[in-house]
Amino acid sequence: MKARKPGAWTFFLQWLKNPLRTAAVAPSSPELAAAMIAELPDDARRIIELGGGTGAITRALLAAGIADEDLLVLELNEALHAHLHLRFPRVQVLLGDARSLPALARANGYLDGGPADAIVSGLGLLTMPPQLQRGLLAAAFECLRGDGVFVQFTYGPAAPVADTVMRELGLHVRRGEFVLRNVPPATVYVYTRTGRAEA
């Protein structure tokens, strides 16, 4: 019998406990991680990852040359947070809600070095109500540089953020790569500011 990867087993157990909070049944594939990283700006150095899970995208970011000290990973699930801490001891891994990202990143000292160049997200935005989406994205863009990008993957056939939320926050979305080699298949979307948020 083939041994399971410890991270995948931890992830699956957390999904069984709370399938709505843990949006996927399996960790992101290397192909999905590569598709996410391909959407980062060429000069991206400081990255925040939301929903680190078992660290599939974290590992890919480090392999792509992002320095440990320039990467901040936020995870809400305590078991996955503990797993990430053990797996990436030199990376700043925080336990908390993404809506509290600005306060957490300031308290941690991460924002002392300036805003992030990009945020990559594995959060289940598609299953969130618009009000929750709005709070999360507003917090994320507060930590991004003006031309920074928010890179999100989703399992649905359309962009995961509600149109009302995009108008309220003045966001633009662009569809990235569709990744068939992921369980389940996923599509990458890139969100940026348009500068025309509703009052």
Protein backbone atom coordinates (compact mmCIF):
# COMPACT_ATOMS: atom_id res chain seq x y z
CA MET A 1 0.00 0.00 0.00
CA LYS A 2 1.36 3.40 -0.98
CA ALA A 3 2.07 5.68 1.99
CA ARG A 4 0.12 8.91 2.11
CA LYS A 5 1.96 12.19 2.29
CA PRO A 6 1.63 13.54 5.86
CA GLY A 7 0.46 16.92 4.58
CA ALA A 8 -2.25 15.45 2.39
CA TRP A 9 -3.57 13.31 5.23
CA THR A 10 -3.63 16.30 7.62
CA PHE A 11 -5.45 18.35 4.98
CA PHE A 12 -8.04 15.63 4.35
CA LEU A 13 -8.75 15.25 8.07
CA GLN A 14 -9.35 18.97 8.37
CA TRP A 15 -11.68 18.85 5.37
CA LEU A 16 -13.68 16.06 7.04
CA LYS A 17 -14.03 18.17 10.18
CA ASN A 18 -15.18 21.29 8.36
CA PRO A 19 -15.69 20.99 4.58
CA LEU A 20 -16.97 24.57 4.21
CA ARG A 21 -13.96 26.11 5.92
CA THR A 22 -11.44 23.79 4.23
CA ALA A 23 -12.62 24.38 0.67
CA ALA A 24 -10.72 21.54 -1.05
CA VAL A 25 -10.39 17.82 -0.36
CA ALA A 26 -6.72 17.71 -1.39
CA PRO A 27 -3.70 20.06 -1.34
CA SER A 28 -2.95 22.16 -4.42
CA SER A 29 -1.01 20.39 -7.15
CA PRO A 30 2.45 21.53 -8.31
CA GLU A 31 0.83 22.56 -11.60
CA LEU A 32 -1.65 24.82 -9.82
CA ALA A 33 1.11 26.33 -7.68
CA ALA A 34 3.12 27.05 -10.85
CA ALA A 35 0.09 28.70 -12.48
CA MET A 36 -0.37 30.93 -9.42
CA ILE A 37 3.30 31.95 -9.37
CA ALA A 38 3.23 32.70 -13.11
CA GLU A 39 0.79 35.54 -12.36
CA LEU A 40 3.13 37.35 -9.94
CA PRO A 41 4.69 40.64 -11.11
CA ASP A 42 8.22 40.22 -12.47
CA ASP A 43 9.61 42.32 -9.61
CA ALA A 44 7.57 40.61 -6.88
CA ARG A 45 9.69 40.01 -3.81
CA ARG A 46 7.39 40.41 -0.78
CA ILE A 47 4.50 37.95 -0.85
CA ILE A 48 1.60 37.17 1.49
CA GLU A 49 -0.13 33.81 1.22
CA LEU A 50 -3.66 33.40 2.56
CA GLY A 51 -4.73 29.90 3.50
CA GLY A 52 -1.38 28.14 3.51
CA GLY A 53 -2.96 24.70 3.95
CA THR A 54 -0.24 22.04 3.87
CA GLY A 55 2.28 24.31 2.16
CA ALA A 56 2.11 23.27 -1.50
CA ILE A 57 2.10 26.88 -2.72
CA THR A 58 4.41 28.00 0.09
CA ARG A 59 7.00 25.48 -1.07
CA ALA A 60 6.64 26.61 -4.67
CA LEU A 61 7.07 30.28 -3.72
CA LEU A 62 10.29 29.50 -1.86
CA ALA A 63 11.53 27.38 -4.77
CA ALA A 64 10.81 30.32 -7.09
CA GLY A 65 13.22 32.48 -5.11
CA ILE A 66 11.04 34.25 -2.56
CA ALA A 67 13.13 34.65 0.61
CA ASP A 68 11.84 33.19 3.87
CA GLU A 69 11.78 36.60 5.52
CA ASP A 70 9.81 38.14 2.64
CA LEU A 71 7.01 35.57 2.82
CA LEU A 72 4.13 35.82 5.27
CA VAL A 73 1.68 32.91 5.46
CA LEU A 74 -1.69 33.18 7.19
CA GLU A 75 -3.70 30.09 8.15
CA LEU A 76 -6.93 29.95 10.15
CA ASN A 77 -6.96 26.22 10.88
CA GLU A 78 -4.91 25.41 14.00
CA ALA A 79 -3.79 21.95 12.86
CA LEU A 80 -2.68 23.22 9.44
CA HIS A 81 -0.99 26.23 11.08
CA ALA A 82 1.01 23.87 13.32
CA HIS A 83 1.90 21.74 10.29
CA LEU A 84 3.15 24.81 8.37
CA HIS A 85 5.22 25.96 11.36
CA LEU A 86 7.00 22.62 11.49
CA ARG A 87 7.49 22.37 7.74
CA PHE A 88 8.72 25.96 7.20
CA PRO A 89 10.40 27.01 10.46
CA ARG A 90 12.06 30.11 8.94
CA VAL A 91 8.90 31.47 7.30
CA GLN A 92 6.58 33.83 9.19
CA VAL A 93 3.45 31.70 9.66
CA LEU A 94 0.58 33.36 11.50
CA LEU A 95 -2.63 31.93 12.90
CA GLY A 96 -5.66 34.08 12.22
CA ASP A 97 -8.55 35.29 10.10
CA ALA A 98 -7.70 36.92 6.76
CA ARG A 99 -10.05 39.81 7.59
CA SER A 100 -7.57 40.73 10.34
CA LEU A 101 -4.57 40.62 7.99
CA PRO A 102 -3.56 44.32 8.30
CA ALA A 103 -3.49 44.18 12.11
CA LEU A 104 -1.73 40.80 12.18
CA ALA A 105 0.88 41.85 9.60
CA ARG A 106 1.57 45.10 11.45
CA ALA A 107 1.83 43.38 14.84
CA ASN A 108 4.19 40.80 13.34
CA GLY A 109 6.36 43.56 11.83
CA TYR A 110 5.93 42.34 8.27
CA LEU A 111 4.54 45.65 7.02
CA ASP A 112 7.51 47.53 8.48
CA GLY A 113 9.27 46.60 5.24
CA GLY A 114 6.48 48.14 3.16
CA PRO A 115 3.39 46.69 1.52
CA ALA A 116 3.37 43.31 -0.17
CA ASP A 117 3.92 43.08 -3.92
CA ALA A 118 1.34 40.32 -4.27
CA ILE A 119 -1.05 38.14 -2.32
CA VAL A 120 -1.74 34.55 -3.31
CA SER A 121 -4.89 32.99 -1.91
CA GLY A 122 -6.15 29.47 -1.52
CA LEU A 123 -9.22 30.58 0.43
CA GLY A 124 -12.63 29.33 -0.60
CA LEU A 125 -13.98 32.68 -1.79
CA LEU A 126 -16.57 30.99 -4.01
CA THR A 127 -18.46 29.63 -0.98
CA MET A 128 -18.35 32.92 0.97
CA PRO A 129 -21.22 35.42 1.10
CA PRO A 130 -20.48 38.83 -0.48
CA GLN A 131 -20.12 40.57 2.88
CA LEU A 132 -17.38 38.15 3.94
CA GLN A 133 -15.68 38.45 0.53
CA ARG A 134 -15.71 42.24 0.86
CA GLY A 135 -14.11 42.22 4.32
CA LEU A 136 -11.43 39.78 3.25
CA LEU A 137 -10.51 41.56 0.01
CA ALA A 138 -10.56 45.01 1.60
CA ALA A 139 -8.11 43.74 4.25
CA ALA A 140 -5.92 42.13 1.59
CA PHE A 141 -5.69 45.21 -0.62
CA GLU A 142 -4.86 47.34 2.43
CA CYS A 143 -1.62 45.32 2.65
CA LEU A 144 -0.78 45.51 -1.08
CA ARG A 145 1.17 48.13 -2.99
CA GLY A 146 -0.93 50.24 -5.34
CA ASP A 147 -0.28 48.10 -8.40
CA GLY A 148 -0.11 44.85 -6.47
CA VAL A 149 -2.03 41.74 -7.49
CA PHE A 150 -4.31 39.38 -5.63
CA VAL A 151 -4.00 35.90 -7.18
CA GLN A 152 -6.82 33.49 -6.38
CA PHE A 153 -7.75 30.03 -7.59
CA THR A 154 -11.25 28.62 -7.67
CA TYR A 155 -13.01 25.39 -8.63
CA GLY A 156 -16.11 27.01 -10.11
CA PRO A 157 -16.76 27.95 -13.76
CA ALA A 158 -16.72 31.71 -13.08
CA ALA A 159 -14.69 34.28 -11.16
CA PRO A 160 -15.27 33.71 -7.43
CA VAL A 161 -15.74 37.31 -6.24
CA ALA A 162 -19.25 38.76 -6.53
CA ASP A 163 -19.72 41.62 -9.02
CA THR A 164 -21.13 43.83 -6.25
CA VAL A 165 -17.96 43.35 -4.19
CA MET A 166 -15.75 44.17 -7.18
CA ARG A 167 -17.67 47.40 -7.82
CA GLU A 168 -17.61 48.41 -4.17
CA LEU A 169 -13.86 47.90 -3.91
CA GLY A 170 -12.97 49.15 -7.41
CA LEU A 171 -11.43 45.89 -8.58
CA HIS A 172 -10.70 44.44 -12.01
CA VAL A 173 -10.41 40.70 -12.68
CA ARG A 174 -8.53 38.79 -15.32
CA ARG A 175 -8.79 35.06 -15.92
CA GLY A 176 -5.52 33.15 -15.80
CA GLU A 177 -4.72 29.52 -16.49
CA PHE A 178 -7.14 26.61 -16.19
CA VAL A 179 -5.31 23.77 -14.43
CA LEU A 180 -6.70 20.36 -15.28
CA ARG A 181 -4.02 18.52 -13.28
CA ASN A 182 -5.44 19.43 -9.89
CA VAL A 183 -8.02 17.74 -7.65
CA PRO A 184 -10.49 19.13 -8.52
CA PRO A 185 -9.45 21.10 -11.65
CA ALA A 186 -9.01 24.80 -10.89
CA THR A 187 -8.84 28.18 -12.59
CA VAL A 188 -6.57 31.06 -11.58
CA TYR A 189 -7.94 34.61 -11.39
CA VAL A 190 -5.99 37.83 -10.88
CA TYR A 191 -7.54 40.84 -9.12
CA THR A 192 -6.15 44.38 -9.30
CA ARG A 193 -7.34 47.83 -8.30
CA THR A 194 -8.98 50.02 -10.93
CA GLY A 195 -8.98 53.06 -8.64
CA ARG A 196 -12.73 53.52 -9.03
CA ALA A 197 -14.19 52.17 -5.79
CA GLU A 198 -17.83 53.03 -5.06
CA ALA A 199 -18.41 55.58 -2.31
